């Protein structure tokens, strides 16, 4: 019996939607990264982008555990001497709630061209509305192998 290696033309992509309200940031990001990579599929391959599209809504209502909401900071540097900036989590969540989830998921994907292609399949919106209704996204909780905390599975 020969091992089947999936080709790029054989990859089928689905659309999933997840509501981020009240979910813990890191736990949500791990499951989203898993679906973006395609690890929930039997055709998963490390050198191909076999993942699906994920739409995250209500990004402004994401939660952190413990005192991380007060202590977490985002670091950026302009490239000039003394050009470092630290942005507190609460400020980032008010101004750019999409960036909070995008940075968390980005840190869990490969740091190469493949990871950048996977990030293009992630769509994040601060409110409950999204323009991807024609793609008919299914809830992420219905995906086999995905275990989102705070959801009930029967």
N, C-alpha and C. Protein backbone atom coordinates (compact mmCIF):
# COMPACT_ATOMS: atom_id res chain seq x y z
N UNK A 1 0.84 -1.17 0.00
CA UNK A 1 0.00 0.00 0.00
C UNK A 1 0.89 1.24 0.00
N UNK A 2 0.62 2.16 -0.90
CA UNK A 2 1.45 3.36 -1.01
C UNK A 2 0.85 4.50 -0.18
N UNK A 3 1.72 5.36 0.26
CA UNK A 3 1.29 6.54 1.00
C UNK A 3 0.83 7.61 0.02
N UNK A 4 -0.35 8.17 0.28
CA UNK A 4 -0.88 9.21 -0.59
C UNK A 4 -0.42 10.57 -0.09
N UNK A 5 0.18 11.32 -0.98
CA UNK A 5 0.59 12.69 -0.66
C UNK A 5 -0.39 13.63 -1.35
N UNK A 6 -1.01 14.49 -0.58
CA UNK A 6 -2.02 15.40 -1.12
C UNK A 6 -1.36 16.45 -2.01
N UNK A 7 -2.02 16.78 -3.10
CA UNK A 7 -1.54 17.81 -4.02
C UNK A 7 -2.32 19.11 -3.76
N UNK A 8 -1.76 20.20 -4.21
CA UNK A 8 -2.40 21.50 -4.00
C UNK A 8 -3.75 21.58 -4.71
N UNK A 9 -3.94 20.85 -5.80
CA UNK A 9 -5.21 20.89 -6.53
C UNK A 9 -6.29 20.07 -5.84
N UNK A 10 -5.92 19.19 -4.91
CA UNK A 10 -6.89 18.34 -4.21
C UNK A 10 -7.42 18.96 -2.92
N UNK A 11 -6.91 20.11 -2.53
CA UNK A 11 -7.28 20.72 -1.26
C UNK A 11 -8.66 21.38 -1.39
N UNK A 12 -9.56 21.04 -0.46
CA UNK A 12 -10.88 21.65 -0.40
C UNK A 12 -10.94 22.54 0.83
N UNK A 13 -11.41 23.76 0.64
CA UNK A 13 -11.47 24.72 1.75
C UNK A 13 -12.92 24.99 2.16
N UNK A 14 -13.13 25.09 3.45
CA UNK A 14 -14.43 25.42 4.01
C UNK A 14 -14.32 26.75 4.75
N UNK A 15 -15.46 27.32 5.10
CA UNK A 15 -15.52 28.56 5.87
C UNK A 15 -16.14 28.27 7.22
N UNK A 16 -15.52 28.81 8.28
CA UNK A 16 -16.03 28.64 9.63
C UNK A 16 -16.11 30.01 10.31
N UNK A 17 -17.08 30.15 11.20
CA UNK A 17 -17.24 31.38 11.96
C UNK A 17 -17.20 31.03 13.44
N UNK A 18 -16.55 31.90 14.22
CA UNK A 18 -16.47 31.70 15.67
C UNK A 18 -16.75 33.03 16.36
N UNK A 19 -17.55 32.95 17.43
CA UNK A 19 -17.88 34.14 18.22
C UNK A 19 -16.88 34.23 19.37
N UNK A 20 -16.13 35.33 19.44
CA UNK A 20 -15.07 35.48 20.42
C UNK A 20 -15.55 36.07 21.74
N UNK A 21 -16.81 36.40 21.88
CA UNK A 21 -17.28 37.06 23.09
C UNK A 21 -17.19 36.13 24.29
N UNK A 22 -16.46 36.58 25.31
CA UNK A 22 -16.30 35.82 26.54
C UNK A 22 -15.29 34.69 26.46
N UNK A 23 -14.63 34.48 25.34
CA UNK A 23 -13.64 33.40 25.21
C UNK A 23 -12.27 33.89 25.65
N UNK A 24 -11.46 32.97 26.12
CA UNK A 24 -10.09 33.28 26.53
C UNK A 24 -9.23 33.39 25.28
N UNK A 25 -8.43 34.44 25.20
CA UNK A 25 -7.66 34.77 23.99
C UNK A 25 -6.78 33.63 23.53
N UNK A 26 -5.94 33.10 24.38
CA UNK A 26 -4.99 32.07 23.97
C UNK A 26 -5.65 30.77 23.55
N UNK A 27 -6.70 30.38 24.24
CA UNK A 27 -7.39 29.13 23.92
C UNK A 27 -8.14 29.24 22.61
N UNK A 28 -8.71 30.39 22.35
CA UNK A 28 -9.38 30.61 21.07
C UNK A 28 -8.35 30.64 19.95
N UNK A 29 -7.22 31.30 20.19
CA UNK A 29 -6.19 31.44 19.15
C UNK A 29 -5.59 30.09 18.76
N UNK A 30 -5.43 29.17 19.72
CA UNK A 30 -4.86 27.87 19.38
C UNK A 30 -5.78 27.07 18.47
N UNK A 31 -7.08 27.13 18.73
CA UNK A 31 -8.02 26.38 17.89
C UNK A 31 -8.16 27.03 16.51
N UNK A 32 -8.12 28.35 16.45
CA UNK A 32 -8.18 29.04 15.16
C UNK A 32 -6.92 28.72 14.35
N UNK A 33 -5.75 28.73 14.99
CA UNK A 33 -4.51 28.41 14.29
C UNK A 33 -4.52 26.97 13.79
N UNK A 34 -5.10 26.08 14.57
CA UNK A 34 -5.20 24.67 14.18
C UNK A 34 -6.03 24.50 12.91
N UNK A 35 -7.14 25.24 12.81
CA UNK A 35 -8.00 25.15 11.62
C UNK A 35 -7.33 25.83 10.43
N UNK A 36 -6.64 26.96 10.66
CA UNK A 36 -5.94 27.64 9.58
C UNK A 36 -4.84 26.76 8.99
N UNK A 37 -4.16 25.99 9.84
CA UNK A 37 -3.11 25.08 9.37
C UNK A 37 -3.69 23.87 8.66
N UNK A 38 -4.88 23.44 9.06
CA UNK A 38 -5.50 22.25 8.47
C UNK A 38 -5.24 21.00 9.27
N UNK A 39 -4.84 21.14 10.53
CA UNK A 39 -4.52 19.97 11.34
C UNK A 39 -5.75 19.17 11.73
N UNK A 40 -6.92 19.70 11.53
CA UNK A 40 -8.15 18.98 11.84
C UNK A 40 -8.57 18.04 10.70
N UNK A 41 -7.86 18.08 9.59
CA UNK A 41 -8.20 17.27 8.42
C UNK A 41 -7.29 16.04 8.32
N UNK A 42 -7.80 14.95 7.77
CA UNK A 42 -6.93 13.78 7.57
C UNK A 42 -5.91 13.99 6.46
N UNK A 43 -6.10 15.02 5.63
CA UNK A 43 -5.17 15.30 4.54
C UNK A 43 -4.10 16.30 4.93
N UNK A 44 -3.91 16.55 6.23
CA UNK A 44 -2.94 17.54 6.69
C UNK A 44 -1.54 17.19 6.20
N UNK A 45 -0.85 18.20 5.73
CA UNK A 45 0.53 18.04 5.29
C UNK A 45 1.31 19.27 5.75
N UNK A 46 2.51 19.05 6.28
CA UNK A 46 3.25 20.15 6.87
C UNK A 46 3.76 21.16 5.84
N UNK A 47 3.95 20.72 4.60
CA UNK A 47 4.54 21.62 3.60
C UNK A 47 3.50 22.29 2.71
N UNK A 48 2.20 22.02 2.95
CA UNK A 48 1.13 22.64 2.16
C UNK A 48 0.15 23.36 3.07
N UNK A 49 -0.51 24.34 2.52
CA UNK A 49 -1.55 25.06 3.24
C UNK A 49 -2.87 24.33 3.00
N UNK A 50 -3.23 23.40 3.88
CA UNK A 50 -4.45 22.61 3.72
C UNK A 50 -5.59 23.13 4.57
N UNK A 51 -5.41 24.28 5.21
CA UNK A 51 -6.39 24.80 6.17
C UNK A 51 -7.59 25.45 5.54
N UNK A 52 -8.51 25.86 6.39
CA UNK A 52 -9.77 26.47 6.00
C UNK A 52 -9.79 27.95 6.39
N UNK A 53 -10.80 28.65 5.90
CA UNK A 53 -11.02 30.05 6.24
C UNK A 53 -11.73 30.14 7.59
N UNK A 54 -11.33 31.12 8.41
CA UNK A 54 -11.96 31.33 9.71
C UNK A 54 -12.36 32.80 9.83
N UNK A 55 -13.61 33.03 10.21
CA UNK A 55 -14.13 34.38 10.44
C UNK A 55 -14.37 34.50 11.95
N UNK A 56 -13.72 35.47 12.59
CA UNK A 56 -13.89 35.70 14.02
C UNK A 56 -14.70 36.98 14.19
N UNK A 57 -15.82 36.88 14.91
CA UNK A 57 -16.67 38.04 15.17
C UNK A 57 -16.63 38.37 16.66
N UNK A 58 -17.02 39.58 17.01
CA UNK A 58 -17.02 40.09 18.39
C UNK A 58 -15.63 40.04 19.01
N UNK A 59 -14.63 40.46 18.26
CA UNK A 59 -13.25 40.46 18.76
C UNK A 59 -13.07 41.43 19.92
N UNK A 60 -13.91 42.44 20.01
CA UNK A 60 -13.76 43.44 21.09
C UNK A 60 -14.21 42.89 22.44
N UNK A 61 -14.81 41.70 22.47
CA UNK A 61 -15.29 41.13 23.72
C UNK A 61 -14.45 39.93 24.17
N UNK A 62 -13.20 39.86 23.72
CA UNK A 62 -12.30 38.77 24.10
C UNK A 62 -11.87 38.95 25.56
N UNK A 63 -11.53 37.86 26.23
CA UNK A 63 -11.16 37.93 27.65
C UNK A 63 -9.77 37.35 27.88
N UNK A 64 -9.17 37.73 28.99
CA UNK A 64 -7.91 37.16 29.45
C UNK A 64 -8.11 36.66 30.88
N UNK A 65 -7.32 35.66 31.27
CA UNK A 65 -7.45 35.12 32.61
C UNK A 65 -6.51 35.85 33.56
N UNK A 66 -6.84 35.80 34.84
CA UNK A 66 -5.99 36.38 35.87
C UNK A 66 -5.85 37.89 35.74
N UNK A 67 -4.64 38.39 36.00
CA UNK A 67 -4.37 39.82 35.94
C UNK A 67 -3.73 40.23 34.62
N UNK A 68 -3.79 39.33 33.61
CA UNK A 68 -3.12 39.63 32.35
C UNK A 68 -3.70 40.86 31.65
N UNK A 69 -4.99 41.14 31.85
CA UNK A 69 -5.59 42.31 31.22
C UNK A 69 -4.92 43.60 31.69
N UNK A 70 -4.41 43.61 32.91
CA UNK A 70 -3.72 44.79 33.45
C UNK A 70 -2.22 44.76 33.15
N UNK A 71 -1.63 43.57 33.00
CA UNK A 71 -0.18 43.45 32.90
C UNK A 71 0.35 43.28 31.48
N UNK A 72 -0.45 42.74 30.57
CA UNK A 72 0.02 42.42 29.22
C UNK A 72 0.28 43.70 28.42
N UNK A 73 1.42 43.73 27.71
CA UNK A 73 1.78 44.86 26.86
C UNK A 73 2.27 44.36 25.51
N UNK A 74 2.01 45.13 24.48
CA UNK A 74 2.46 44.82 23.13
C UNK A 74 3.65 45.73 22.80
N UNK A 75 4.71 45.13 22.25
CA UNK A 75 5.95 45.84 21.98
C UNK A 75 6.11 46.11 20.49
N UNK A 76 6.46 47.34 20.14
CA UNK A 76 6.83 47.68 18.76
C UNK A 76 8.08 48.55 18.81
N UNK A 77 8.82 48.55 17.72
CA UNK A 77 10.03 49.35 17.65
C UNK A 77 10.09 50.01 16.28
N UNK A 78 10.41 51.30 16.25
CA UNK A 78 10.44 52.05 15.00
C UNK A 78 11.70 51.80 14.19
N UNK A 79 12.74 51.28 14.83
CA UNK A 79 14.01 51.08 14.15
C UNK A 79 15.02 52.14 14.51
N UNK A 80 14.57 53.21 15.14
CA UNK A 80 15.47 54.27 15.58
C UNK A 80 15.82 54.06 17.05
N UNK A 81 16.93 54.69 17.47
CA UNK A 81 17.33 54.60 18.87
C UNK A 81 16.24 55.19 19.75
N UNK A 82 15.87 54.46 20.78
CA UNK A 82 14.84 54.94 21.70
C UNK A 82 13.45 54.87 21.10
N UNK A 83 13.27 54.18 20.00
CA UNK A 83 11.98 54.14 19.31
C UNK A 83 11.09 52.98 19.72
N UNK A 84 11.24 52.51 20.94
CA UNK A 84 10.39 51.40 21.37
C UNK A 84 9.11 51.92 22.00
N UNK A 85 8.02 51.20 21.74
CA UNK A 85 6.71 51.58 22.27
C UNK A 85 6.08 50.37 22.93
N UNK A 86 5.47 50.57 24.07
CA UNK A 86 4.74 49.52 24.77
C UNK A 86 3.28 49.95 24.85
N UNK A 87 2.39 49.16 24.30
CA UNK A 87 0.97 49.47 24.30
C UNK A 87 0.27 48.49 25.25
N UNK A 88 -0.43 48.98 26.27
CA UNK A 88 -1.14 48.09 27.18
C UNK A 88 -2.27 47.34 26.45
N UNK A 89 -2.61 46.16 26.96
CA UNK A 89 -3.65 45.32 26.35
C UNK A 89 -4.98 46.06 26.28
N UNK A 90 -5.36 46.73 27.35
CA UNK A 90 -6.67 47.41 27.38
C UNK A 90 -6.76 48.50 26.32
N UNK A 91 -5.66 49.23 26.10
CA UNK A 91 -5.64 50.27 25.07
C UNK A 91 -5.74 49.65 23.69
N UNK A 92 -5.00 48.57 23.46
CA UNK A 92 -5.04 47.88 22.17
C UNK A 92 -6.43 47.32 21.90
N UNK A 93 -7.09 46.79 22.93
CA UNK A 93 -8.41 46.22 22.76
C UNK A 93 -9.44 47.29 22.41
N UNK A 94 -9.29 48.49 22.98
CA UNK A 94 -10.22 49.58 22.66
C UNK A 94 -10.01 50.10 21.24
N UNK A 95 -8.75 50.32 20.86
CA UNK A 95 -8.45 50.93 19.57
C UNK A 95 -8.49 49.95 18.41
N UNK A 96 -7.87 48.78 18.58
CA UNK A 96 -7.76 47.81 17.49
C UNK A 96 -8.02 46.39 18.02
N UNK A 97 -9.29 46.02 18.26
CA UNK A 97 -9.57 44.68 18.80
C UNK A 97 -9.17 43.56 17.84
N UNK A 98 -9.12 43.85 16.54
CA UNK A 98 -8.74 42.81 15.58
C UNK A 98 -7.27 42.44 15.73
N UNK A 99 -6.43 43.41 16.04
CA UNK A 99 -4.99 43.16 16.15
C UNK A 99 -4.65 42.23 17.30
N UNK A 100 -5.44 42.28 18.37
CA UNK A 100 -5.17 41.43 19.54
C UNK A 100 -5.25 39.96 19.12
N UNK A 101 -6.32 39.59 18.43
CA UNK A 101 -6.48 38.20 18.01
C UNK A 101 -5.51 37.87 16.88
N UNK A 102 -5.30 38.81 15.96
CA UNK A 102 -4.39 38.56 14.84
C UNK A 102 -2.96 38.27 15.33
N UNK A 103 -2.48 39.02 16.31
CA UNK A 103 -1.13 38.81 16.84
C UNK A 103 -1.03 37.49 17.61
N UNK A 104 -2.10 37.11 18.32
CA UNK A 104 -2.08 35.86 19.06
C UNK A 104 -2.03 34.67 18.12
N UNK A 105 -2.82 34.72 17.04
CA UNK A 105 -2.85 33.61 16.08
C UNK A 105 -1.56 33.59 15.27
N UNK A 106 -1.05 34.75 14.90
CA UNK A 106 0.17 34.84 14.10
C UNK A 106 1.36 34.19 14.82
N UNK A 107 1.41 34.33 16.14
CA UNK A 107 2.49 33.73 16.91
C UNK A 107 2.44 32.22 16.95
N UNK A 108 1.30 31.63 16.58
CA UNK A 108 1.13 30.18 16.62
C UNK A 108 1.27 29.53 15.24
N UNK A 109 1.52 30.32 14.22
CA UNK A 109 1.67 29.80 12.87
C UNK A 109 3.15 29.80 12.48
N UNK A 110 3.53 29.10 11.42
CA UNK A 110 4.92 29.09 10.97
C UNK A 110 5.41 30.50 10.61
N UNK A 111 6.68 30.76 10.86
CA UNK A 111 7.26 32.07 10.57
C UNK A 111 7.93 32.05 9.20
N UNK A 112 7.16 31.84 8.15
CA UNK A 112 7.70 31.78 6.79
C UNK A 112 6.57 32.11 5.80
N UNK A 113 6.81 31.87 4.50
CA UNK A 113 5.81 32.17 3.48
C UNK A 113 4.51 31.41 3.70
N UNK A 114 4.63 30.19 4.16
CA UNK A 114 3.45 29.36 4.39
C UNK A 114 2.57 29.96 5.49
N UNK A 115 3.19 30.45 6.56
CA UNK A 115 2.45 31.08 7.64
C UNK A 115 1.77 32.36 7.19
N UNK A 116 2.43 33.11 6.31
CA UNK A 116 1.81 34.35 5.80
C UNK A 116 0.60 34.04 4.92
N UNK A 117 0.67 32.94 4.17
CA UNK A 117 -0.48 32.54 3.37
C UNK A 117 -1.64 32.07 4.24
N UNK A 118 -1.33 31.42 5.34
CA UNK A 118 -2.36 30.97 6.26
C UNK A 118 -3.06 32.15 6.91
N UNK A 119 -2.30 33.20 7.23
CA UNK A 119 -2.88 34.38 7.88
C UNK A 119 -3.88 35.10 6.98
N UNK A 120 -3.72 34.97 5.67
CA UNK A 120 -4.64 35.63 4.75
C UNK A 120 -6.03 35.01 4.79
N UNK A 121 -6.15 33.80 5.34
CA UNK A 121 -7.44 33.14 5.44
C UNK A 121 -8.17 33.47 6.74
N UNK A 122 -7.57 34.31 7.58
CA UNK A 122 -8.18 34.72 8.84
C UNK A 122 -8.85 36.07 8.67
N UNK A 123 -10.14 36.13 8.95
CA UNK A 123 -10.91 37.37 8.85
C UNK A 123 -11.45 37.70 10.25
N UNK A 124 -11.11 38.90 10.76
CA UNK A 124 -11.48 39.27 12.13
C UNK A 124 -12.29 40.56 12.10
N UNK A 125 -13.38 40.58 12.87
CA UNK A 125 -14.25 41.75 12.95
C UNK A 125 -14.58 42.04 14.41
N UNK A 126 -14.54 43.33 14.78
CA UNK A 126 -14.78 43.75 16.16
C UNK A 126 -16.21 43.57 16.61
N UNK A 127 -17.16 43.67 15.68
CA UNK A 127 -18.57 43.54 16.01
C UNK A 127 -19.17 42.22 15.55
N UNK A 128 -20.48 42.07 15.67
CA UNK A 128 -21.12 40.80 15.31
C UNK A 128 -21.36 40.62 13.82
N UNK A 129 -21.27 41.69 13.01
CA UNK A 129 -21.54 41.58 11.58
C UNK A 129 -20.26 41.29 10.80
N UNK A 130 -20.41 40.51 9.72
CA UNK A 130 -19.29 40.25 8.81
C UNK A 130 -19.83 40.12 7.39
N UNK A 131 -19.03 40.46 6.38
CA UNK A 131 -19.50 40.44 4.99
C UNK A 131 -19.35 39.08 4.30
N UNK A 132 -19.14 38.00 5.06
CA UNK A 132 -18.87 36.70 4.45
C UNK A 132 -20.08 35.76 4.52
N UNK A 133 -21.27 36.32 4.60
CA UNK A 133 -22.49 35.50 4.63
C UNK A 133 -22.68 34.68 3.34
N UNK A 134 -22.31 35.19 2.16
CA UNK A 134 -22.48 34.37 0.94
C UNK A 134 -21.65 33.08 0.96
N UNK A 135 -20.57 33.03 1.73
CA UNK A 135 -19.77 31.81 1.81
C UNK A 135 -20.41 30.77 2.74
N UNK A 136 -21.46 31.16 3.46
CA UNK A 136 -22.21 30.29 4.37
C UNK A 136 -21.28 29.59 5.37
N UNK A 137 -20.61 30.37 6.24
CA UNK A 137 -19.68 29.75 7.19
C UNK A 137 -20.41 28.95 8.26
N UNK A 138 -19.87 27.78 8.58
CA UNK A 138 -20.42 26.93 9.63
C UNK A 138 -19.79 27.32 10.96
N UNK A 139 -20.47 27.05 12.07
CA UNK A 139 -19.86 27.34 13.38
C UNK A 139 -18.62 26.48 13.59
N UNK A 140 -17.59 27.05 14.18
CA UNK A 140 -16.34 26.34 14.40
C UNK A 140 -16.52 25.19 15.39
N UNK A 141 -17.52 25.27 16.25
CA UNK A 141 -17.77 24.21 17.24
C UNK A 141 -18.17 22.90 16.57
N UNK A 142 -18.68 22.95 15.33
CA UNK A 142 -19.14 21.74 14.64
C UNK A 142 -18.02 20.96 13.97
N UNK A 143 -16.80 21.48 13.98
CA UNK A 143 -15.68 20.83 13.31
C UNK A 143 -15.17 19.69 14.19
N UNK A 144 -15.07 18.46 13.64
CA UNK A 144 -14.52 17.37 14.45
C UNK A 144 -13.04 17.62 14.77
N UNK A 145 -12.66 17.36 15.99
CA UNK A 145 -11.28 17.56 16.40
C UNK A 145 -11.00 18.93 16.97
N UNK A 146 -11.97 19.85 16.89
CA UNK A 146 -11.80 21.18 17.45
C UNK A 146 -12.53 21.23 18.78
N UNK A 147 -11.84 21.61 19.84
CA UNK A 147 -12.41 21.65 21.18
C UNK A 147 -12.30 23.07 21.72
N UNK A 148 -13.30 23.87 21.45
CA UNK A 148 -13.30 25.23 21.97
C UNK A 148 -13.79 25.22 23.42
N UNK A 149 -13.02 25.77 24.35
CA UNK A 149 -13.49 25.84 25.73
C UNK A 149 -14.72 26.72 25.83
N UNK A 150 -15.64 26.31 26.67
CA UNK A 150 -16.86 27.08 26.86
C UNK A 150 -17.98 26.62 25.95
N UNK A 151 -17.76 25.60 25.15
CA UNK A 151 -18.81 25.07 24.30
C UNK A 151 -19.20 23.69 24.80
N UNK A 152 -20.43 23.32 24.59
CA UNK A 152 -20.89 22.00 24.99
C UNK A 152 -20.91 21.09 23.79
N UNK A 153 -20.34 19.92 23.94
CA UNK A 153 -20.30 18.94 22.84
C UNK A 153 -21.08 17.73 23.29
N UNK A 154 -21.90 17.21 22.40
CA UNK A 154 -22.68 16.01 22.76
C UNK A 154 -22.17 14.79 22.04
